[in-house]
Amino acid sequence: MPAPATRRTARLATTLVIVAVLGAAAFAAWRYLGPADKAPQLRLAKVERGGITSTVSASGTLTAVTTVLVGSQISGQVREILVDFNSPVKKGQLLARIDPETFELKVKQADADLEAARTSLLQRESEAASQRSQIVRAQITHEDAKRDVERKQSLLAKNFISEAERDKAVFVERGAAEAVRTAQAQLRAAEAMVANAHAVVKQRQAALASARNDLSKTSITAPVDGVVISRQVEPGQTVAASLNTPTLFTIAQDLREMQVDVAIDESDIGRIRADQRVTFTVDAFPGRTFNGSVRQIRKAAQTVQNVVTYIVVVGTQNQALQLVPGMTANARIVTDQRDAVLKVPNAALRWRPAGVGAAKDEAAPAAAAGSGPGNAGDQQARRKRLIDELKLDAGQVARLDEIFAEMRTRFMELRELPEADRRPRMERIRIDVRQRISGMLNAEQQKRYAEIVASETGRGSAAGGAGRVFVPAAEGPKEVSVRTGLTDGNATEIVAGDLAEGQDVIVGTQQPAGSAAPRPPSGAPRLPF
């Protein structure tokens, strides 16, 4: 009879298990889904005094200060190459040689032509000398004829000869005079032939010099001291120099001094000045910061997809030769700095109690530009602001959603990277987002969008604008009107307002213990405009 007792024991155990499970479920429901009327707890931060640095962030490319493209002015087959990549060279050093055989033959031909021209010159000069002697003989004959005419005239006066003899002498004298003039004309022609022969000699000399010059150009030499950073030719290759000079080598003159060509948006270029301090990083050396200064602001604008940028040249020292041309640099140009000022986190300027909207004259702080992680609500708020303030049409809204979706994906891919690598790549994504959004807008929308970006990234006037923060009080959050100044993207200077150092300001809320379980925060960083 033990079977019924065993079954009763099993049913009792099952009942106890079910009761325990139901009890645990009830407790969990009370714990997490219970009182929903608990007020959220406030997250506070301190008003601090310290320094604020305003920067402009952009990416650029490292280049040598002086880069020389070494080409060939003549066509031919490359016989030998004497340098390679990274070879240090001196000015005048032989880099390569083009087959000189053809040019040597041209030199020999030009030399032979010059000798023939010189021989012809000698012949013309001898002919001219012969013509001079002919003139002398003709002049002697003419003088003799003149004296004969005078004698015949004297004899005719004495009736010793007839007039016919005198006339014959006169005719002979006239013929002699014409012979002199003919010889003189022939001399001038001979002298012209001599001058032409001289010109031909000069032509042949120039042709010889040109042939020798072409022969000398078969030896490709370095125009400056430096390092070969590029070689684009191989032995046996034929180079053809026609309208464009083919580039054989690229020489960086001195890699101990380099520059970064940074593309600065037109909304930021007004804040850039010569000699401003610059820091930049490169992907090759994560976690390391390099220093430089602004050397030049080029006035030539570059327009890509309706985005106008200007090139700012940043000079930097490279004594260790770690930086090489072509690296992508993520630069931060220090445009303004404040020391020992009162400042609050930008989150304090953004936070509003439920039911309180933003004042119309408030200047949005810098952190709204995507300086840190955000949730879907923040992203939707930014999307709505762009749609409302820019008055986007349906096509632009669709394009905006595509850009935001793609950027969220790109941000998600950066989650596993170290902080030193993630920050510069996030900055490049932000810049790309702004450029792509600006590229789909018309001129009027672009102007308004530039104002939004300026306000959201702290790129506006250093004079700042109106703002407000909320401080904890017994009756609830209390509003304090402030005047904001410089911002660095994380904190904003307080120029005027009823705030003191060390005072608490509200930066956000969090669900209290025992309330409904909060949604896990989104891992995607906040999207920039």
Protein backbone atom coordinates (compact mmCIF):
# COMPACT_ATOMS: atom_id res chain seq x y z
CA MET A 1 0.00 0.00 0.00
CA PRO A 2 2.89 2.47 -0.19
CA ALA A 3 2.02 3.60 -3.70
CA PRO A 4 -0.82 6.06 -2.72
CA ALA A 5 1.39 7.65 -0.06
CA THR A 6 4.17 8.15 -2.57
CA ARG A 7 1.78 9.81 -4.98
CA ARG A 8 0.48 12.16 -2.29
CA THR A 9 4.03 13.14 -1.40
CA ALA A 10 4.84 13.89 -5.05
CA ARG A 11 1.70 16.02 -5.46
CA LEU A 12 2.55 17.93 -2.29
CA ALA A 13 6.09 18.61 -3.54
CA THR A 14 4.77 19.81 -6.91
CA THR A 15 2.30 22.13 -5.19
CA LEU A 16 5.04 23.64 -3.05
CA VAL A 17 7.22 24.25 -6.12
CA ILE A 18 4.35 25.97 -7.94
CA VAL A 19 3.60 28.16 -4.91
CA ALA A 20 7.27 29.13 -4.64
CA VAL A 21 7.42 30.04 -8.31
CA LEU A 22 4.24 32.12 -8.09
CA GLY A 23 5.56 33.87 -5.03
CA ALA A 24 8.82 34.74 -6.72
CA ALA A 25 6.92 36.03 -9.76
CA ALA A 26 4.67 38.15 -7.58
CA PHE A 27 7.64 39.62 -5.75
CA ALA A 28 9.39 40.40 -9.03
CA ALA A 29 6.26 42.04 -10.39
CA TRP A 30 5.94 44.15 -7.25
CA ARG A 31 9.64 44.94 -7.33
CA TYR A 32 9.97 46.01 -10.94
CA LEU A 33 6.45 46.77 -12.08
CA GLY A 34 5.06 48.01 -8.86
CA PRO A 35 4.70 51.65 -7.79
CA ALA A 36 4.97 53.76 -10.96
CA ASP A 37 4.35 57.02 -9.19
CA LYS A 38 7.80 57.22 -7.60
CA ALA A 39 9.51 60.40 -8.69
CA PRO A 40 12.72 59.93 -10.69
CA GLN A 41 15.91 60.82 -8.89
CA LEU A 42 17.89 63.83 -10.08
CA ARG A 43 21.45 63.54 -11.31
CA LEU A 44 23.53 66.47 -10.13
CA ALA A 45 26.83 68.03 -11.06
CA LYS A 46 28.93 70.77 -9.52
CA VAL A 47 29.52 74.26 -10.84
CA GLU A 48 33.29 74.35 -11.26
CA ARG A 49 35.99 76.88 -11.91
CA GLY A 50 38.64 76.01 -14.44
CA GLY A 51 39.86 76.44 -17.97
CA ILE A 52 37.88 76.11 -21.21
CA THR A 53 39.44 75.67 -24.61
CA SER A 54 37.46 76.12 -27.81
CA THR A 55 38.72 74.10 -30.77
CA VAL A 56 37.93 73.42 -34.40
CA SER A 57 38.25 69.77 -35.37
CA ALA A 58 39.00 68.60 -38.89
CA SER A 59 41.00 66.00 -40.72
CA GLY A 60 43.88 66.53 -43.13
CA THR A 61 46.82 64.90 -44.83
CA LEU A 62 50.46 65.01 -43.80
CA THR A 63 52.79 66.26 -46.54
CA ALA A 64 56.38 67.38 -46.80
CA VAL A 65 56.91 71.13 -46.77
CA THR A 66 58.66 70.92 -50.15
CA THR A 67 57.95 68.06 -52.51
CA VAL A 68 59.70 67.96 -55.89
CA LEU A 69 58.46 65.87 -58.80
CA VAL A 70 61.44 64.71 -60.85
CA GLY A 71 60.54 63.98 -64.46
CA SER A 72 62.12 63.50 -67.86
CA GLN A 73 62.13 66.16 -70.58
CA ILE A 74 63.11 63.63 -73.24
CA SER A 75 61.72 60.34 -74.46
CA GLY A 76 63.61 57.09 -74.40
CA GLN A 77 64.22 53.79 -72.69
CA VAL A 78 65.39 53.77 -69.08
CA ARG A 79 68.74 52.00 -69.03
CA GLU A 80 69.41 51.98 -65.26
CA ILE A 81 68.00 53.24 -61.96
CA LEU A 82 70.42 54.09 -59.18
CA VAL A 83 68.05 54.90 -56.27
CA ASP A 84 65.01 53.29 -54.67
CA PHE A 85 62.26 54.20 -52.22
CA ASN A 86 63.49 55.98 -49.06
CA SER A 87 66.94 56.61 -50.59
CA PRO A 88 68.54 59.82 -49.28
CA VAL A 89 69.88 61.91 -52.16
CA LYS A 90 71.98 65.04 -52.59
CA LYS A 91 71.47 67.83 -55.09
CA GLY A 92 73.01 66.83 -58.44
CA GLN A 93 73.18 63.13 -57.56
CA LEU A 94 72.48 60.77 -60.47
CA LEU A 95 69.11 59.03 -60.03
CA ALA A 96 68.60 57.25 -63.36
CA ARG A 97 69.92 57.18 -66.89
CA ILE A 98 68.01 57.03 -70.18
CA ASP A 99 69.65 55.20 -73.10
CA PRO A 100 71.90 57.92 -74.63
CA GLU A 101 72.77 56.22 -77.95
CA THR A 102 70.23 58.09 -80.06
CA PHE A 103 71.22 61.40 -78.53
CA GLU A 104 74.93 60.72 -79.01
CA LEU A 105 74.28 60.18 -82.72
CA LYS A 106 72.37 63.46 -82.86
CA VAL A 107 75.35 65.21 -81.26
CA LYS A 108 77.70 63.75 -83.86
CA GLN A 109 75.38 64.76 -86.68
CA ALA A 110 75.04 68.30 -85.32
CA ASP A 111 78.84 68.49 -84.94
CA ALA A 112 79.32 67.45 -88.60
CA ASP A 113 76.75 70.01 -89.76
CA LEU A 114 78.63 72.69 -87.84
CA GLU A 115 81.91 71.76 -89.53
CA ALA A 116 80.24 71.91 -92.96
CA ALA A 117 78.81 75.33 -92.14
CA ARG A 118 82.21 76.60 -91.06
CA THR A 119 83.76 75.32 -94.32
CA SER A 120 81.06 77.07 -96.31
CA LEU A 121 81.78 80.25 -94.37
CA LEU A 122 85.45 80.08 -95.32
CA GLN A 123 84.50 79.62 -98.97
CA ARG A 124 82.16 82.62 -98.87
CA GLU A 125 84.83 84.72 -97.20
CA SER A 126 87.35 83.81 -99.93
CA GLU A 127 84.84 84.73 -102.60
CA ALA A 128 84.32 88.08 -100.92
CA ALA A 129 88.08 88.65 -100.84
CA SER A 130 88.24 87.84 -104.57
CA GLN A 131 85.53 90.40 -105.24
CA ARG A 132 87.50 93.03 -103.35
CA SER A 133 90.51 92.39 -105.58
CA GLN A 134 88.26 92.67 -108.64
CA ILE A 135 87.16 96.09 -107.44
CA VAL A 136 90.76 97.20 -107.05
CA ARG A 137 91.58 96.09 -110.62
CA ALA A 138 88.44 97.78 -111.97
CA GLN A 139 89.34 100.99 -110.13
CA ILE A 140 92.88 100.91 -111.61
CA THR A 141 91.47 100.42 -115.08
CA HIS A 142 89.04 103.27 -114.50
CA GLU A 143 91.84 105.61 -113.36
CA ASP A 144 93.89 104.76 -116.44
CA ALA A 145 90.89 105.41 -118.67
CA LYS A 146 90.32 108.79 -117.02
CA ARG A 147 93.93 109.87 -117.58
CA ASP A 148 93.73 108.69 -121.19
CA VAL A 149 90.64 110.85 -121.71
CA GLU A 150 92.49 113.84 -120.29
CA ARG A 151 95.47 113.25 -122.61
CA LYS A 152 93.22 112.85 -125.62
CA GLN A 153 91.41 116.01 -124.76
CA SER A 154 94.71 117.91 -124.60
CA LEU A 155 95.86 116.47 -127.92
CA LEU A 156 92.54 117.31 -129.54
CA ALA A 157 92.93 120.90 -128.41
CA LYS A 158 96.26 121.00 -130.28
CA ASN A 159 94.72 119.23 -133.30
CA PHE A 160 97.11 116.34 -132.95
CA ILE A 161 94.24 113.75 -132.94
CA SER A 162 90.75 113.56 -134.27
CA GLU A 163 87.57 113.89 -132.22
CA ALA A 164 86.82 110.23 -132.95
CA GLU A 165 89.87 109.17 -130.98
CA ARG A 166 88.91 111.46 -128.13
CA ASP A 167 85.35 110.04 -128.11
CA LYS A 168 86.67 106.51 -128.11
CA ALA A 169 88.72 107.26 -124.99
CA VAL A 170 85.64 108.73 -123.29
CA PHE A 171 83.62 105.60 -124.02
CA VAL A 172 86.39 103.42 -122.60
CA GLU A 173 86.43 105.53 -119.41
CA ARG A 174 82.67 105.14 -118.97
CA GLY A 175 82.94 101.37 -119.40
CA ALA A 176 85.65 101.25 -116.76
CA ALA A 177 83.46 103.23 -114.34
CA GLU A 178 80.58 100.78 -114.88
CA ALA A 179 82.97 97.88 -114.28
CA VAL A 180 83.87 99.41 -110.90
CA ARG A 181 80.20 99.70 -109.92
CA THR A 182 79.57 96.11 -111.06
CA ALA A 183 82.47 94.83 -108.98
CA GLN A 184 81.21 96.76 -105.97
CA ALA A 185 77.74 95.20 -106.37
CA GLN A 186 79.29 91.76 -106.63
CA LEU A 187 81.28 92.47 -103.45
CA ARG A 188 78.10 93.39 -101.56
CA ALA A 189 76.51 90.14 -102.72
CA ALA A 190 79.57 88.21 -101.61
CA GLU A 191 79.51 89.93 -98.22
CA ALA A 192 75.81 89.01 -97.88
CA MET A 193 76.74 85.41 -98.62
CA VAL A 194 79.39 85.64 -95.90
CA ALA A 195 76.83 87.00 -93.41
CA ASN A 196 74.45 84.17 -94.33
CA ALA A 197 77.25 81.66 -93.83
CA HIS A 198 77.91 83.18 -90.37
CA ALA A 199 74.21 82.76 -89.52
CA VAL A 200 74.27 79.15 -90.68
CA VAL A 201 77.29 78.53 -88.46
CA LYS A 202 75.38 79.96 -85.47
CA GLN A 203 72.40 77.76 -86.31
CA ARG A 204 74.61 74.73 -86.43
CA GLN A 205 76.21 75.73 -83.13
CA ALA A 206 72.77 76.06 -81.54
CA ALA A 207 71.72 72.69 -82.93
CA LEU A 208 74.88 71.14 -81.51
CA ALA A 209 74.24 72.75 -78.13
CA SER A 210 70.64 71.49 -78.18
CA ALA A 211 71.79 67.98 -79.05
CA ARG A 212 74.34 68.07 -76.24
CA ASN A 213 71.67 69.41 -73.87
CA ASP A 214 69.35 66.52 -74.78
CA LEU A 215 72.25 64.14 -74.26
CA SER A 216 72.88 65.59 -70.80
CA LYS A 217 69.19 65.12 -69.94
CA THR A 218 69.59 61.39 -70.35
CA SER A 219 71.12 61.58 -66.87
CA ILE A 220 68.29 62.23 -64.37
CA THR A 221 69.72 64.03 -61.34
CA ALA A 222 68.26 65.20 -58.03
CA PRO A 223 67.35 68.91 -58.03
CA VAL A 224 67.39 69.18 -54.20
CA ASP A 225 68.64 67.36 -51.13
CA GLY A 226 66.00 65.03 -49.73
CA VAL A 227 64.53 61.55 -49.61
CA VAL A 228 62.97 59.60 -52.47
CA ILE A 229 59.40 58.89 -51.38
CA SER A 230 58.13 57.62 -54.71
CA ARG A 231 59.61 55.81 -57.71
CA GLN A 232 57.36 55.30 -60.72
CA VAL A 233 59.73 53.80 -63.30
CA GLU A 234 61.54 50.51 -63.80
CA PRO A 235 64.68 49.63 -65.82
CA GLY A 236 63.80 48.94 -69.44
CA GLN A 237 60.65 51.03 -69.29
CA THR A 238 60.14 53.57 -72.07
CA VAL A 239 59.17 57.11 -71.06
CA ALA A 240 57.43 59.37 -73.55
CA ALA A 241 57.77 63.11 -72.94
CA SER A 242 55.25 64.91 -75.12
CA LEU A 243 52.75 67.45 -73.77
CA ASN A 244 53.08 66.22 -70.17
CA THR A 245 56.36 65.52 -68.46
CA PRO A 246 56.31 61.97 -67.04
CA THR A 247 57.11 61.83 -63.32
CA LEU A 248 59.88 59.38 -62.48
CA PHE A 249 60.62 60.18 -58.83
CA THR A 250 59.10 62.21 -56.00
CA ILE A 251 61.59 63.74 -53.58
CA ALA A 252 60.64 65.20 -50.20
CA GLN A 253 63.19 67.88 -49.43
CA ASP A 254 63.27 67.65 -45.62
CA LEU A 255 61.02 65.29 -43.63
CA ARG A 256 62.14 66.77 -40.32
CA GLU A 257 59.69 69.59 -40.99
CA MET A 258 56.25 68.62 -42.26
CA GLN A 259 52.84 70.16 -42.68
CA VAL A 260 49.22 69.07 -42.41
CA ASP A 261 46.82 70.32 -45.08
CA VAL A 262 43.56 70.56 -43.11
CA ALA A 263 40.20 71.17 -44.82
CA ILE A 264 38.22 73.65 -42.68
CA ASP A 265 34.52 74.25 -43.23
CA GLU A 266 33.53 77.77 -44.27
CA SER A 267 31.53 78.20 -41.04
CA ASP A 268 34.75 77.75 -39.03
CA ILE A 269 37.33 79.49 -41.20
CA GLY A 270 36.59 82.88 -39.62
CA ARG A 271 37.90 81.59 -36.29
CA ILE A 272 41.25 80.45 -37.65
CA ARG A 273 44.28 82.72 -37.31
CA ALA A 274 47.96 82.33 -38.08
CA ASP A 275 50.16 80.93 -35.28
CA GLN A 276 47.23 79.30 -33.45
CA ARG A 277 48.19 76.18 -31.53
CA VAL A 278 47.23 72.85 -33.09
CA THR A 279 47.25 69.29 -31.78
CA PHE A 280 46.68 66.27 -33.98
CA THR A 281 46.76 62.50 -33.91
CA VAL A 282 47.44 59.87 -36.55
CA ASP A 283 46.15 56.31 -36.67
CA ALA A 284 49.70 54.96 -36.85
CA PHE A 285 50.45 56.13 -33.29
CA PRO A 286 47.27 55.72 -31.23
CA GLY A 287 47.23 57.59 -27.97
CA ARG A 288 50.01 59.96 -28.98
CA THR A 289 49.42 63.66 -29.66
CA PHE A 290 51.58 65.79 -31.95
CA ASN A 291 51.85 69.57 -31.79
CA GLY A 292 51.95 72.22 -34.48
CA SER A 293 50.80 75.71 -35.37
CA VAL A 294 48.82 77.37 -38.15
CA ARG A 295 51.21 78.64 -40.83
CA GLN A 296 48.90 79.64 -43.67
CA ILE A 297 45.22 80.03 -44.48
CA ARG A 298 44.77 79.56 -48.20
CA LYS A 299 42.09 81.74 -49.74
CA ALA A 300 41.30 79.36 -52.60
CA ALA A 301 37.97 77.72 -51.80
CA GLN A 302 37.25 74.09 -52.61
CA THR A 303 33.65 73.03 -53.24
CA VAL A 304 32.75 69.33 -53.00
CA GLN A 305 29.05 68.39 -53.12
CA ASN A 306 28.08 71.99 -52.31
CA VAL A 307 30.31 71.98 -49.21
CA VAL A 308 32.82 74.84 -49.23
CA THR A 309 36.10 74.28 -47.43
CA TYR A 310 39.43 76.09 -47.18
CA ILE A 311 42.87 74.58 -46.78
CA VAL A 312 44.71 75.54 -43.59
CA VAL A 313 48.40 74.64 -43.52
CA VAL A 314 49.61 73.43 -40.12
CA GLY A 315 53.36 73.21 -39.58
CA THR A 316 54.89 70.59 -37.29
CA GLN A 317 58.32 69.28 -36.34
CA ASN A 318 59.25 65.69 -37.18
CA GLN A 319 62.76 65.36 -35.77
CA ALA A 320 62.26 61.65 -35.00
CA LEU A 321 61.06 61.04 -38.60
CA GLN A 322 58.08 59.07 -37.33
CA LEU A 323 55.53 60.95 -39.41
CA VAL A 324 55.52 60.18 -43.12
CA PRO A 325 53.71 61.86 -46.02
CA GLY A 326 50.21 60.65 -46.74
CA MET A 327 49.13 59.93 -43.16
CA THR A 328 45.65 61.10 -42.19
CA ALA A 329 45.80 63.55 -39.29
CA ASN A 330 42.87 64.38 -37.01
CA ALA A 331 43.62 67.95 -36.03
CA ARG A 332 42.20 70.19 -33.31
CA ILE A 333 42.94 73.89 -33.76
CA VAL A 334 42.74 75.90 -30.54
CA THR A 335 40.75 79.02 -31.45
CA ASP A 336 40.12 80.48 -27.98
CA GLN A 337 40.91 79.76 -24.36
CA ARG A 338 39.66 80.89 -20.96
CA ASP A 339 41.42 80.30 -17.66
CA ALA A 340 39.83 80.06 -14.20
CA VAL A 341 36.26 80.71 -15.38
CA LEU A 342 33.00 79.49 -13.90
CA LYS A 343 31.62 76.62 -15.96
CA VAL A 344 28.83 74.07 -15.96
CA PRO A 345 28.38 70.82 -17.88
CA ASN A 346 26.52 71.27 -21.14
CA ALA A 347 24.00 68.68 -19.95
CA ALA A 348 22.86 71.20 -17.33
CA LEU A 349 22.01 73.72 -20.06
CA ARG A 350 20.05 71.07 -21.97
CA TRP A 351 18.04 69.56 -19.11
CA ARG A 352 14.43 70.68 -18.67
CA PRO A 353 11.78 69.51 -16.20
CA ALA A 354 8.74 67.81 -17.68
CA GLY A 355 6.50 70.33 -19.42
CA VAL A 356 9.13 73.05 -19.70
CA GLY A 357 10.22 73.96 -23.25
CA ALA A 358 13.38 75.62 -24.45
CA ALA A 359 13.52 79.39 -24.42
CA LYS A 360 13.62 80.98 -27.85
CA ASP A 361 16.75 83.02 -27.18
CA GLU A 362 18.83 80.21 -25.70
CA ALA A 363 22.04 79.21 -27.41
CA ALA A 364 22.32 75.44 -27.46
CA PRO A 365 25.55 74.18 -25.97
CA ALA A 366 28.20 72.27 -27.74
CA ALA A 367 27.57 68.76 -26.54
CA ALA A 368 24.52 68.37 -28.73
CA ALA A 369 26.81 67.78 -31.65
CA GLY A 370 27.39 64.19 -30.78
CA SER A 371 30.09 64.34 -28.17
CA GLY A 372 28.93 61.24 -26.37
CA PRO A 373 26.43 58.39 -26.34
CA GLY A 374 22.76 59.21 -26.70
CA ASN A 375 19.46 57.39 -26.85
CA ALA A 376 16.80 57.06 -29.48
CA GLY A 377 14.87 59.97 -28.00
CA ASP A 378 17.82 62.31 -28.54
CA GLN A 379 18.15 61.14 -32.11
CA GLN A 380 14.49 61.63 -32.81
CA ALA A 381 14.65 65.09 -31.26
CA ARG A 382 17.50 66.05 -33.57
CA ARG A 383 15.69 64.61 -36.56
CA LYS A 384 12.55 66.57 -35.69
CA ARG A 385 14.53 69.78 -35.20
CA LEU A 386 16.17 69.49 -38.59
CA ILE A 387 12.87 68.72 -40.31
CA ASP A 388 11.07 71.61 -38.61
CA GLU A 389 13.73 74.30 -38.79
CA LEU A 390 15.03 73.46 -42.27
CA LYS A 391 11.54 72.74 -43.65
CA LEU A 392 12.69 69.55 -45.35
CA ASP A 393 10.53 68.04 -48.07
CA ALA A 394 9.64 64.36 -48.28
CA GLY A 395 12.68 63.48 -50.40
CA GLN A 396 15.05 65.27 -48.07
CA VAL A 397 13.49 63.59 -45.02
CA ALA A 398 14.01 60.19 -46.64
CA ARG A 399 17.60 61.07 -47.42
CA LEU A 400 18.13 62.33 -43.84
CA ASP A 401 16.81 59.03 -42.45
CA GLU A 402 19.22 57.12 -44.69
CA ILE A 403 22.16 59.21 -43.47
CA PHE A 404 21.18 58.76 -39.81
CA ALA A 405 20.72 55.00 -40.25
CA GLU A 406 24.08 54.62 -41.94
CA MET A 407 25.80 56.75 -39.31
CA ARG A 408 24.27 54.70 -36.50
CA THR A 409 25.72 51.60 -38.11
CA ARG A 410 29.14 53.19 -38.44
CA PHE A 411 29.06 54.33 -34.80
CA MET A 412 28.09 50.84 -33.65
CA GLU A 413 31.16 49.45 -35.41
CA LEU A 414 33.36 51.66 -33.24
CA ARG A 415 32.12 50.35 -29.89
CA GLU A 416 34.85 47.74 -29.52
CA LEU A 417 37.72 50.10 -30.36
CA PRO A 418 39.94 51.64 -27.67
CA GLU A 419 39.07 55.18 -26.68
CA ALA A 420 42.19 56.63 -28.32
CA ASP A 421 41.16 55.13 -31.68
CA ARG A 422 37.43 55.66 -31.32
CA ARG A 423 37.43 59.43 -30.73
CA PRO A 424 39.23 60.50 -33.93
CA ARG A 425 37.16 58.12 -36.04
CA MET A 426 33.96 59.42 -34.47
CA GLU A 427 35.09 62.93 -35.31
CA ARG A 428 35.60 61.96 -38.96
CA ILE A 429 32.12 60.44 -39.04
CA ARG A 430 30.64 63.63 -37.59
CA ILE A 431 32.33 65.72 -40.26
CA ASP A 432 31.06 63.36 -42.95
CA VAL A 433 27.52 63.56 -41.57
CA ARG A 434 27.53 67.36 -41.67
CA GLN A 435 28.88 67.41 -45.21
CA ARG A 436 26.35 64.91 -46.50
CA ILE A 437 23.42 66.67 -44.85
CA SER A 438 24.60 70.03 -46.18
CA GLY A 439 25.00 68.53 -49.65
CA MET A 440 21.29 67.68 -49.92
CA LEU A 441 20.10 71.17 -48.91
CA ASN A 442 19.44 74.24 -51.02
CA ALA A 443 21.28 77.53 -50.46
CA GLU A 444 18.81 78.94 -47.94
CA GLN A 445 18.65 75.67 -46.00
CA GLN A 446 22.44 75.44 -45.96
CA LYS A 447 22.67 78.88 -44.37
CA ARG A 448 20.21 77.92 -41.64
CA TYR A 449 21.90 74.55 -41.19
CA ALA A 450 25.27 76.29 -40.69
CA GLU A 451 23.65 78.33 -37.91
CA ILE A 452 22.30 75.17 -36.27
CA VAL A 453 25.71 73.48 -36.43
CA ALA A 454 27.37 76.63 -35.07
CA SER A 455 25.02 76.73 -32.10
CA GLU A 456 25.12 72.99 -31.43
CA THR A 457 28.92 72.76 -31.61
CA GLY A 458 29.76 75.97 -29.82
CA ARG A 459 31.05 77.63 -32.99
CA GLY A 460 29.13 80.80 -32.47
CA SER A 461 30.39 84.09 -31.14
CA ALA A 462 32.57 84.02 -28.06
CA ALA A 463 30.13 86.50 -26.51
CA GLY A 464 27.79 83.55 -25.99
CA GLY A 465 24.04 83.93 -25.41
CA ALA A 466 21.21 83.44 -22.98
CA GLY A 467 20.64 80.12 -21.26
CA ARG A 468 19.16 78.60 -18.16
CA VAL A 469 19.96 75.83 -15.75
CA PHE A 470 17.98 74.23 -12.96
CA VAL A 471 19.17 73.77 -9.40
CA PRO A 472 17.62 71.48 -6.77
CA ALA A 473 15.31 73.17 -4.24
CA ALA A 474 12.84 72.07 -1.60
CA GLU A 475 9.84 72.87 -3.78
CA GLY A 476 11.43 71.25 -6.86
CA PRO A 477 13.86 72.23 -9.58
CA LYS A 478 14.47 75.97 -9.60
CA GLU A 479 15.28 77.80 -12.81
CA VAL A 480 18.35 80.08 -12.94
CA SER A 481 18.91 82.33 -15.97
CA VAL A 482 22.53 82.61 -17.07
CA ARG A 483 24.62 84.19 -19.76
CA THR A 484 26.86 81.70 -21.51
CA GLY A 485 30.28 82.26 -23.03
CA LEU A 486 32.90 79.97 -24.49
CA THR A 487 32.26 76.24 -24.78
CA ASP A 488 34.54 73.30 -25.46
CA GLY A 489 31.84 70.74 -26.24
CA ASN A 490 31.66 69.34 -22.71
CA ALA A 491 31.34 72.42 -20.50
CA THR A 492 30.23 76.02 -21.06
CA GLU A 493 31.50 79.21 -19.49
CA ILE A 494 29.01 81.10 -17.31
CA VAL A 495 29.53 84.80 -17.91
CA ALA A 496 26.66 86.02 -15.74
CA GLY A 497 24.04 84.39 -13.55
CA ASP A 498 23.14 83.53 -9.97
CA LEU A 499 25.48 80.56 -9.69
CA ALA A 500 28.44 79.98 -7.39
CA GLU A 501 31.37 77.63 -7.49
CA GLY A 502 30.53 74.28 -5.92
CA GLN A 503 26.77 74.73 -6.33
CA ASP A 504 24.74 71.76 -7.59
CA VAL A 505 23.02 71.91 -10.97
CA ILE A 506 20.71 69.28 -12.46
CA VAL A 507 22.11 67.40 -15.45
CA GLY A 508 19.52 64.60 -15.79
CA THR A 509 17.28 62.08 -14.10
CA GLN A 510 17.45 58.40 -13.27
CA GLN A 511 14.83 55.87 -12.22
CA PRO A 512 14.80 55.21 -8.46
CA ALA A 513 15.30 51.75 -7.00
CA GLY A 514 12.11 49.73 -6.96
CA SER A 515 10.60 51.42 -9.98
CA ALA A 516 10.10 49.88 -13.37
CA ALA A 517 13.30 48.50 -14.81
CA PRO A 518 14.80 51.03 -17.16
CA ARG A 519 15.47 50.18 -20.75
CA PRO A 520 19.07 49.32 -21.41
CA PRO A 521 20.83 52.33 -22.85
CA SER A 522 21.56 52.36 -26.53
CA GLY A 523 25.14 51.57 -27.35
CA ALA A 524 25.15 53.82 -30.38
CA PRO A 525 26.84 57.18 -29.88
CA ARG A 526 24.70 60.25 -30.32
CA LEU A 527 24.31 61.25 -33.92
CA PRO A 528 25.72 64.66 -34.88
CA PHE A 529 23.92 67.11 -37.13
